[in-house]
Amino acid sequence: MKKWEYVTVPLLTHATKQILDNWGEEGYELVQVVPGPNPEQLVAYMKREKA
């Protein structure tokens, strides 16, 4: 059975691609993006398989 680890990441709208690319380099896959506490911020939920 696969095991996963998760992380929530604040996303700034002006740097979304760079932030997601950095986490992708660490092996994380984007699961969902939801609105953050203010209009300029989103929250990304990400996962990667545990080693």
Protein backbone atom coordinates (compact mmCIF):
# COMPACT_ATOMS: atom_id res chain seq x y z
CA MET A 1 0.00 0.00 0.00
CA LYS A 2 1.31 3.46 -0.89
CA LYS A 3 1.81 6.00 1.88
CA TRP A 4 1.64 9.73 1.28
CA GLU A 5 2.83 12.86 2.97
CA TYR A 6 1.03 16.16 2.50
CA VAL A 7 1.82 19.85 2.74
CA THR A 8 -0.23 23.04 2.49
CA VAL A 9 1.51 25.90 0.74
CA PRO A 10 0.49 29.57 0.58
CA LEU A 11 0.52 30.82 -3.02
CA LEU A 12 0.97 34.46 -3.93
CA THR A 13 -0.82 35.21 -7.19
CA HIS A 14 2.21 36.97 -8.68
CA ALA A 15 4.54 33.99 -8.04
CA THR A 16 2.28 30.94 -8.35
CA LYS A 17 4.24 29.15 -11.07
CA GLN A 18 7.59 29.61 -9.36
CA ILE A 19 6.26 28.34 -6.03
CA LEU A 20 4.59 25.28 -7.61
CA ASP A 21 7.70 24.52 -9.70
CA ASN A 22 9.86 24.59 -6.55
CA TRP A 23 7.61 22.11 -4.74
CA GLY A 24 7.39 19.97 -7.88
CA GLU A 25 11.19 19.72 -7.89
CA GLU A 26 10.89 18.28 -4.38
CA GLY A 27 8.59 15.56 -5.70
CA TYR A 28 5.26 17.04 -4.66
CA GLU A 29 2.16 16.82 -6.82
CA LEU A 30 -0.56 19.47 -6.72
CA VAL A 31 -3.86 18.09 -5.41
CA GLN A 32 -6.02 21.20 -5.05
CA VAL A 33 -5.93 24.99 -4.83
CA VAL A 34 -8.41 26.83 -2.61
CA PRO A 35 -8.94 30.52 -1.79
CA GLY A 36 -6.73 31.91 0.96
CA PRO A 37 -7.44 34.42 3.69
CA ASN A 38 -7.27 37.38 1.30
CA PRO A 39 -7.83 37.94 -2.45
CA GLU A 40 -4.12 37.95 -3.30
CA GLN A 41 -3.43 34.59 -1.70
CA LEU A 42 -4.36 31.01 -2.53
CA VAL A 43 -3.56 27.82 -0.64
CA ALA A 44 -2.22 24.76 -2.45
CA TYR A 45 -2.60 21.23 -1.09
CA MET A 46 0.21 18.99 -2.29
CA LYS A 47 1.26 15.38 -1.78
CA ARG A 48 4.17 13.05 -2.48
CA GLU A 49 4.76 9.38 -1.90
CA LYS A 50 6.68 8.54 1.26
CA ALA A 51 9.99 6.82 0.67
